PDB file of N, CA and C in Angstrom:
ATOM      1  N   MET A   1      16.182  16.478  -1.284  1.00  0.00           N
ATOM      2  CA  MET A   1      14.535  16.085  -1.512  1.00  0.00           C
ATOM      3  C   MET A   1      14.203  17.481  -2.044  1.00  0.00           C
ATOM      4  N   LEU A   2      13.332  16.747  -2.472  1.00  0.00           N
ATOM      5  CA  LEU A   2      12.506  18.422  -2.950  1.00  0.00           C
ATOM      6  C   LEU A   2      11.197  18.564  -1.683  1.00  0.00           C
ATOM      7  N   PRO A   3      10.848  19.699  -1.902  1.00  0.00           N
ATOM      8  CA  PRO A   3       9.824  19.994  -0.505  1.00  0.00           C
ATOM      9  C   PRO A   3       8.650  19.217  -0.728  1.00  0.00           C
ATOM     10  N   ALA A   4       8.146  19.219  -1.901  1.00  0.00           N
ATOM     11  CA  ALA A   4       6.928  18.327  -1.945  1.00  0.00           C
ATOM     12  C   ALA A   4       7.110  16.639  -1.509  1.00  0.00           C
ATOM     13  N   GLU A   5       8.311  16.693  -1.447  1.00  0.00           N
ATOM     14  CA  GLU A   5       8.763  14.977  -1.477  1.00  0.00           C
ATOM     15  C   GLU A   5       8.494  14.980   0.203  1.00  0.00           C
ATOM     16  N   LEU A   6       9.217  15.823   0.694  1.00  0.00           N
ATOM     17  CA  LEU A   6       9.224  16.276   2.319  1.00  0.00           C
ATOM     18  C   LEU A   6       8.083  16.416   2.936  1.00  0.00           C
ATOM     19  N   HIS A   7       7.254  16.903   2.204  1.00  0.00           N
ATOM     20  CA  HIS A   7       5.967  17.483   2.638  1.00  0.00           C
ATOM     21  C   HIS A   7       5.044  16.191   3.004  1.00  0.00           C
ATOM     22  N   ARG A   8       4.929  15.409   1.753  1.00  0.00           N
ATOM     23  CA  ARG A   8       4.315  14.279   1.467  1.00  0.00           C
ATOM     24  C   ARG A   8       4.567  12.985   2.706  1.00  0.00           C
ATOM     25  N   ARG A   9       6.218  13.312   2.491  1.00  0.00           N
ATOM     26  CA  ARG A   9       6.433  11.922   4.074  1.00  0.00           C
ATOM     27  C   ARG A   9       5.892  12.485   5.298  1.00  0.00           C
ATOM     28  N   TYR A  10       6.366  13.578   5.579  1.00  0.00           N
ATOM     29  CA  TYR A  10       5.490  14.302   6.914  1.00  0.00           C
ATOM     30  C   TYR A  10       4.278  13.393   6.807  1.00  0.00           C
ATOM     31  N   TRP A  11       3.263  14.343   6.002  1.00  0.00           N
ATOM     32  CA  TRP A  11       1.888  13.743   6.315  1.00  0.00           C
ATOM     33  C   TRP A  11       1.926  12.334   6.491  1.00  0.00           C
ATOM     34  N   ARG A  12       2.369  11.580   5.268  1.00  0.00           N
ATOM     35  CA  ARG A  12       2.497   9.762   5.695  1.00  0.00           C
ATOM     36  C   ARG A  12       2.575   9.602   6.773  1.00  0.00           C
ATOM     37  N   LYS A  13       3.578  10.218   7.381  1.00  0.00           N
ATOM     38  CA  LYS A  13       3.916   9.233   9.081  1.00  0.00           C
ATOM     39  C   LYS A  13       2.717  10.160   9.814  1.00  0.00           C
ATOM     40  N   THR A  14       2.810  11.451   9.875  1.00  0.00           N
ATOM     41  CA  THR A  14       1.758  11.829  10.587  1.00  0.00           C
ATOM     42  C   THR A  14       0.311  10.957  10.793  1.00  0.00           C
ATOM     43  N   LEU A  15      -0.129  10.292   9.554  1.00  0.00           N
ATOM     44  CA  LEU A  15      -1.072  10.025   8.968  1.00  0.00           C
ATOM     45  C   LEU A  15      -1.242   8.189  10.118  1.00  0.00           C
ATOM     46  N   VAL A  16       0.019   7.764   9.564  1.00  0.00           N
ATOM     47  CA  VAL A  16       0.138   6.621  10.191  1.00  0.00           C
ATOM     48  C   VAL A  16       0.076   6.068  11.931  1.00  0.00           C
ATOM     49  N   VAL A  17       0.913   7.412  12.277  1.00  0.00           N
ATOM     50  CA  VAL A  17       1.013   7.687  13.565  1.00  0.00           C
ATOM     51  C   VAL A  17      -0.252   7.572  14.088  1.00  0.00           C
ATOM     52  N   THR A  18      -1.243   8.505  13.676  1.00  0.00           N
ATOM     53  CA  THR A  18      -2.293   9.188  14.245  1.00  0.00           C
ATOM     54  C   THR A  18      -3.199   7.791  14.000  1.00  0.00           C
ATOM     55  N   ALA A  19      -3.687   6.740  12.899  1.00  0.00           N
ATOM     56  CA  ALA A  19      -4.174   6.240  12.720  1.00  0.00           C
ATOM     57  C   ALA A  19      -4.057   4.903  13.822  1.00  0.00           C
ATOM     58  N   LEU A  20      -2.812   4.859  14.051  1.00  0.00           N
ATOM     59  CA  LEU A  20      -2.298   3.658  14.886  1.00  0.00           C
ATOM     60  C   LEU A  20      -2.447   4.305  16.660  1.00  0.00           C
ATOM     61  N   LEU A  21      -2.537   5.650  16.882  1.00  0.00           N
ATOM     62  CA  LEU A  21      -3.651   5.726  17.740  1.00  0.00           C
ATOM     63  C   LEU A  21      -4.636   5.667  18.080  1.00  0.00           C
ATOM     64  N   LEU A  22      -5.619   6.285  17.555  1.00  0.00           N
ATOM     65  CA  LEU A  22      -6.750   5.790  17.464  1.00  0.00           C
ATOM     66  C   LEU A  22      -7.428   4.284  17.651  1.00  0.00           C
ATOM     67  N   LEU A  23      -6.496   3.602  16.772  1.00  0.00           N
ATOM     68  CA  LEU A  23      -6.788   1.967  16.868  1.00  0.00           C
ATOM     69  C   LEU A  23      -6.401   1.746  18.358  1.00  0.00           C
ATOM     70  N   VAL A  24      -5.265   2.283  19.127  1.00  0.00           N
ATOM     71  CA  VAL A  24      -5.336   1.780  20.734  1.00  0.00           C
ATOM     72  C   VAL A  24      -6.231   2.686  21.784  1.00  0.00           C
ATOM     73  N   TRP A  25      -6.323   3.512  20.845  1.00  0.00           N
ATOM     74  CA  TRP A  25      -8.082   4.679  21.578  1.00  0.00           C
ATOM     75  C   TRP A  25      -9.268   3.658  21.482  1.00  0.00           C
ATOM     76  N   PHE A  26      -8.999   3.059  20.256  1.00  0.00           N
ATOM     77  CA  PHE A  26     -10.426   2.425  20.172  1.00  0.00           C
ATOM     78  C   PHE A  26     -10.492   1.029  21.305  1.00  0.00           C
ATOM     79  N   ALA A  27      -9.620   0.431  21.270  1.00  0.00           N
ATOM     80  CA  ALA A  27      -9.380  -0.843  22.053  1.00  0.00           C
ATOM     81  C   ALA A  27      -9.623  -0.490  23.096  1.00  0.00           C
ATOM     82  N   ALA A  28      -8.608   0.648  24.067  1.00  0.00           N
ATOM     83  CA  ALA A  28      -9.284   1.032  25.239  1.00  0.00           C
ATOM     84  C   ALA A  28     -10.574   1.079  25.574  1.00  0.00           C
ATOM     85  N   THR A  29     -10.955   1.933  24.548  1.00  0.00           N
ATOM     86  CA  THR A  29     -12.617   1.909  24.454  1.00  0.00           C
ATOM     87  C   THR A  29     -13.717   1.339  24.688  1.00  0.00           C
ATOM     88  N   PHE A  30     -13.974   0.490  23.382  1.00  0.00           N
ATOM     89  CA  PHE A  30     -14.507  -0.096  23.244  1.00  0.00           C
ATOM     90  C   PHE A  30     -14.092  -2.194  23.412  1.00  0.00           C
ATOM     91  N   GLY A  31     -12.929  -1.717  22.892  1.00  0.00           N
ATOM     92  CA  GLY A  31     -12.445  -3.508  23.413  1.00  0.00           C
ATOM     93  C   GLY A  31     -12.814  -3.877  24.594  1.00  0.00           C
ATOM     94  N   ILE A  32     -12.111  -3.453  25.834  1.00  0.00           N
ATOM     95  CA  ILE A  32     -12.336  -3.376  27.122  1.00  0.00           C
ATOM     96  C   ILE A  32     -13.888  -3.870  27.439  1.00  0.00           C
ATOM     97  N   ALA A  33     -14.774  -2.952  27.211  1.00  0.00           N
ATOM     98  CA  ALA A  33     -16.004  -2.724  27.045  1.00  0.00           C
ATOM     99  C   ALA A  33     -16.651  -4.433  26.329  1.00  0.00           C
ATOM    100  N   TYR A  34     -16.636  -4.691  25.013  1.00  0.00           N
ATOM    101  CA  TYR A  34     -17.124  -5.498  24.729  1.00  0.00           C
ATOM    102  C   TYR A  34     -16.726  -7.411  25.163  1.00  0.00           C
ATOM    103  N   PHE A  35     -15.241  -7.258  25.655  1.00  0.00           N
ATOM    104  CA  PHE A  35     -14.466  -8.563  26.222  1.00  0.00           C
ATOM    105  C   PHE A  35     -15.118  -8.152  27.754  1.00  0.00           C
ATOM    106  N   ALA A  36     -15.938  -7.905  28.194  1.00  0.00           N
ATOM    107  CA  ALA A  36     -15.737  -7.429  30.291  1.00  0.00           C
ATOM    108  C   ALA A  36     -15.452  -8.696  30.948  1.00  0.00           C
ATOM    109  N   ARG A  37     -17.068  -9.903  29.692  1.00  0.00           N
ATOM    110  CA  ARG A  37     -16.823 -10.909  30.487  1.00  0.00           C
ATOM    111  C   ARG A  37     -16.252 -12.182  30.382  1.00  0.00           C
ATOM    112  N   PHE A  38     -15.112 -11.836  29.597  1.00  0.00           N
ATOM    113  CA  PHE A  38     -13.822 -12.536  29.321  1.00  0.00           C
ATOM    114  C   PHE A  38     -12.760 -11.895  30.119  1.00  0.00           C
ATOM    115  N   LEU A  39     -12.641 -11.088  30.457  1.00  0.00           N
ATOM    116  CA  LEU A  39     -11.511 -10.402  31.633  1.00  0.00           C
ATOM    117  C   LEU A  39     -12.017 -10.141  32.686  1.00  0.00           C
ATOM    118  N   ASP A  40     -12.733 -11.171  32.966  1.00  0.00           N
ATOM    119  CA  ASP A  40     -13.231 -11.450  34.923  1.00  0.00           C
ATOM    120  C   ASP A  40     -12.225 -11.669  35.832  1.00  0.00           C
ATOM    121  N   PHE A  41     -11.403 -11.255  36.082  1.00  0.00           N
ATOM    122  CA  PHE A  41     -10.043 -11.275  36.698  1.00  0.00           C
ATOM    123  C   PHE A  41     -10.123 -10.260  37.949  1.00  0.00           C
ATOM    124  N   ARG A  42      -9.405 -10.265  39.081  1.00  0.00           N
ATOM    125  CA  ARG A  42      -9.317  -8.996  39.741  1.00  0.00           C
ATOM    126  C   ARG A  42      -7.705  -8.361  39.508  1.00  0.00           C
ATOM    127  N   PHE A  43      -8.144  -7.203  39.279  1.00  0.00           N
ATOM    128  CA  PHE A  43      -6.627  -5.940  39.339  1.00  0.00           C
ATOM    129  C   PHE A  43      -7.028  -5.150  40.056  1.00  0.00           C
ATOM    130  N   PHE A  44      -5.739  -4.957  41.029  1.00  0.00           N
ATOM    131  CA  PHE A  44      -5.985  -3.907  42.649  1.00  0.00           C
ATOM    132  C   PHE A  44      -6.899  -4.274  43.307  1.00  0.00           C
ATOM    133  N   GLY A  45      -7.452  -5.391  43.305  1.00  0.00           N
ATOM    134  CA  GLY A  45      -8.646  -5.339  44.050  1.00  0.00           C
ATOM    135  C   GLY A  45     -10.384  -4.999  43.476  1.00  0.00           C
ATOM    136  N   TRP A  46     -10.299  -5.281  42.041  1.00  0.00           N
ATOM    137  CA  TRP A  46     -11.498  -4.731  41.550  1.00  0.00           C
ATOM    138  C   TRP A  46     -11.698  -5.579  40.045  1.00  0.00           C
ATOM    139  N   PRO A  47     -12.727  -5.926  39.351  1.00  0.00           N
ATOM    140  CA  PRO A  47     -12.945  -6.869  38.352  1.00  0.00           C
ATOM    141  C   PRO A  47     -12.104  -5.944  37.238  1.00  0.00           C
ATOM    142  N   PHE A  48     -11.098  -6.440  36.549  1.00  0.00           N
ATOM    143  CA  PHE A  48     -10.317  -5.384  35.306  1.00  0.00           C
ATOM    144  C   PHE A  48     -11.284  -4.774  34.781  1.00  0.00           C
ATOM    145  N   SER A  49     -12.417  -5.087  34.051  1.00  0.00           N
ATOM    146  CA  SER A  49     -12.895  -4.437  33.080  1.00  0.00           C
ATOM    147  C   SER A  49     -13.109  -3.458  34.070  1.00  0.00           C
ATOM    148  N   PHE A  50     -13.843  -2.955  35.312  1.00  0.00           N
ATOM    149  CA  PHE A  50     -14.339  -2.533  35.488  1.00  0.00           C
ATOM    150  C   PHE A  50     -13.158  -1.013  35.991  1.00  0.00           C
ATOM    151  N   TRP A  51     -12.028  -1.772  36.680  1.00  0.00           N
ATOM    152  CA  TRP A  51     -10.892  -0.886  36.958  1.00  0.00           C
ATOM    153  C   TRP A  51     -10.557   0.272  35.799  1.00  0.00           C
ATOM    154  N   MET A  52     -10.265  -0.489  34.688  1.00  0.00           N
ATOM    155  CA  MET A  52     -10.279  -0.520  33.023  1.00  0.00           C
ATOM    156  C   MET A  52     -11.195   0.499  32.610  1.00  0.00           C
ATOM    157  N   GLY A  53     -12.395   0.731  32.917  1.00  0.00           N
ATOM    158  CA  GLY A  53     -13.433   1.804  32.729  1.00  0.00           C
ATOM    159  C   GLY A  53     -13.002   2.749  33.465  1.00  0.00           C
ATOM    160  N   ALA A  54     -12.767   2.587  34.651  1.00  0.00           N
ATOM    161  CA  ALA A  54     -12.620   3.712  35.701  1.00  0.00           C
ATOM    162  C   ALA A  54     -11.491   4.672  36.121  1.00  0.00           C
ATOM    163  N   GLN A  55     -10.212   3.609  35.576  1.00  0.00           N
ATOM    164  CA  GLN A  55      -9.406   4.234  35.514  1.00  0.00           C
ATOM    165  C   GLN A  55      -7.999   3.939  34.557  1.00  0.00           C
ATOM    166  N   GLY A  56      -8.069   3.068  34.053  1.00  0.00           N
ATOM    167  CA  GLY A  56      -7.229   2.418  33.099  1.00  0.00           C
ATOM    168  C   GLY A  56      -7.519   2.791  31.830  1.00  0.00           C
ATOM    169  N   ALA A  57      -8.081   3.114  30.881  1.00  0.00           N
ATOM    170  CA  ALA A  57      -8.592   3.813  29.761  1.00  0.00           C
ATOM    171  C   ALA A  57      -7.952   5.472  30.075  1.00  0.00           C
ATOM    172  N   LEU A  58      -8.400   6.195  31.345  1.00  0.00           N
ATOM    173  CA  LEU A  58      -7.681   7.273  31.372  1.00  0.00           C
ATOM    174  C   LEU A  58      -6.409   7.538  31.064  1.00  0.00           C
ATOM    175  N   MET A  59      -5.673   6.770  31.458  1.00  0.00           N
ATOM    176  CA  MET A  59      -4.156   6.414  31.550  1.00  0.00           C
ATOM    177  C   MET A  59      -3.833   5.738  30.499  1.00  0.00           C
ATOM    178  N   ILE A  60      -4.338   5.563  30.193  1.00  0.00           N
ATOM    179  CA  ILE A  60      -4.182   5.087  28.268  1.00  0.00           C
ATOM    180  C   ILE A  60      -4.384   6.192  27.181  1.00  0.00           C
ATOM    181  N   TYR A  61      -5.394   6.973  28.069  1.00  0.00           N
ATOM    182  CA  TYR A  61      -5.868   8.473  26.998  1.00  0.00           C
ATOM    183  C   TYR A  61      -4.178   9.279  27.042  1.00  0.00           C
ATOM    184  N   CYS A  62      -3.892   9.476  28.440  1.00  0.00           N
ATOM    185  CA  CYS A  62      -2.761  10.748  28.941  1.00  0.00           C
ATOM    186  C   CYS A  62      -1.685   9.680  28.488  1.00  0.00           C
ATOM    187  N   LEU A  63      -1.337   8.661  28.163  1.00  0.00           N
ATOM    188  CA  LEU A  63      -0.466   7.748  27.709  1.00  0.00           C
ATOM    189  C   LEU A  63      -0.169   8.571  26.082  1.00  0.00           C
ATOM    190  N   ILE A  64      -1.189   8.236  25.321  1.00  0.00           N
ATOM    191  CA  ILE A  64      -1.656   8.773  23.817  1.00  0.00           C
ATOM    192  C   ILE A  64      -1.204  10.236  23.672  1.00  0.00           C
ATOM    193  N   VAL A  65      -1.780  11.237  24.177  1.00  0.00           N
ATOM    194  CA  VAL A  65      -1.706  12.331  24.120  1.00  0.00           C
ATOM    195  C   VAL A  65      -0.427  12.520  24.328  1.00  0.00           C
ATOM    196  N   GLY A  66       0.477  12.338  25.262  1.00  0.00           N
ATOM    197  CA  GLY A  66       1.648  12.217  25.526  1.00  0.00           C
ATOM    198  C   GLY A  66       2.635  11.869  24.291  1.00  0.00           C
ATOM    199  N   PHE A  67       2.565  10.784  24.217  1.00  0.00           N
ATOM    200  CA  PHE A  67       3.201   9.697  22.337  1.00  0.00           C
ATOM    201  C   PHE A  67       3.352  10.268  21.592  1.00  0.00           C
ATOM    202  N   TYR A  68       1.762  11.100  21.365  1.00  0.00           N
ATOM    203  CA  TYR A  68       1.755  11.846  20.344  1.00  0.00           C
ATOM    204  C   TYR A  68       2.244  13.153  20.281  1.00  0.00           C
ATOM    205  N   ALA A  69       2.667  14.229  21.292  1.00  0.00           N
ATOM    206  CA  ALA A  69       2.721  15.154  21.392  1.00  0.00           C
ATOM    207  C   ALA A  69       4.753  15.061  21.723  1.00  0.00           C
ATOM    208  N   TRP A  70       5.055  14.201  22.039  1.00  0.00           N
ATOM    209  CA  TRP A  70       6.268  13.379  21.843  1.00  0.00           C
ATOM    210  C   TRP A  70       7.069  13.239  20.249  1.00  0.00           C
ATOM    211  N   TYR A  71       6.356  12.483  19.516  1.00  0.00           N
ATOM    212  CA  TYR A  71       6.470  11.973  18.750  1.00  0.00           C
ATOM    213  C   TYR A  71       6.421  13.526  17.034  1.00  0.00           C
ATOM    214  N   MET A  72       5.513  14.002  17.655  1.00  0.00           N
ATOM    215  CA  MET A  72       4.876  15.089  16.263  1.00  0.00           C
ATOM    216  C   MET A  72       6.427  16.203  17.095  1.00  0.00           C
ATOM    217  N   ASN A  73       6.721  16.942  18.052  1.00  0.00           N
ATOM    218  CA  ASN A  73       8.013  16.884  18.301  1.00  0.00           C
ATOM    219  C   ASN A  73       9.225  16.756  17.703  1.00  0.00           C
ATOM    220  N   ARG A  74       9.411  15.487  17.650  1.00  0.00           N
ATOM    221  CA  ARG A  74      10.450  14.832  16.939  1.00  0.00           C
ATOM    222  C   ARG A  74      10.304  14.804  15.340  1.00  0.00           C
ATOM    223  N   LEU A  75       9.323  14.668  15.105  1.00  0.00           N
ATOM    224  CA  LEU A  75       9.191  14.862  13.781  1.00  0.00           C
ATOM    225  C   LEU A  75       9.251  16.340  13.501  1.00  0.00           C
ATOM    226  N   ASP A  76       9.219  17.366  13.796  1.00  0.00           N
ATOM    227  CA  ASP A  76       9.007  18.700  13.332  1.00  0.00           C
ATOM    228  C   ASP A  76      10.654  18.812  13.484  1.00  0.00           C
ATOM    229  N   ALA A  77      11.195  18.463  14.338  1.00  0.00           N
ATOM    230  CA  ALA A  77      12.925  19.054  14.799  1.00  0.00           C
ATOM    231  C   ALA A  77      13.413  18.689  13.174  1.00  0.00           C
TER     232      ALA A  77
END
């Protein structure tokens, strides 16, 4: 394959995974806050929306960073 085509495919995959992870970030950050009234159930003894804002979103952010690093290392290999 031509180097230009490989470069184009690499950046296409990078943009797709970045867009998907930004969508997950947006849902974890704003989606939970927007639907907080509808997510009124207990989770580990706390209302789910409160727990998600205090702990869950941070866990999701760490998973996003970890997945991105793993995926990019795999893509670069």
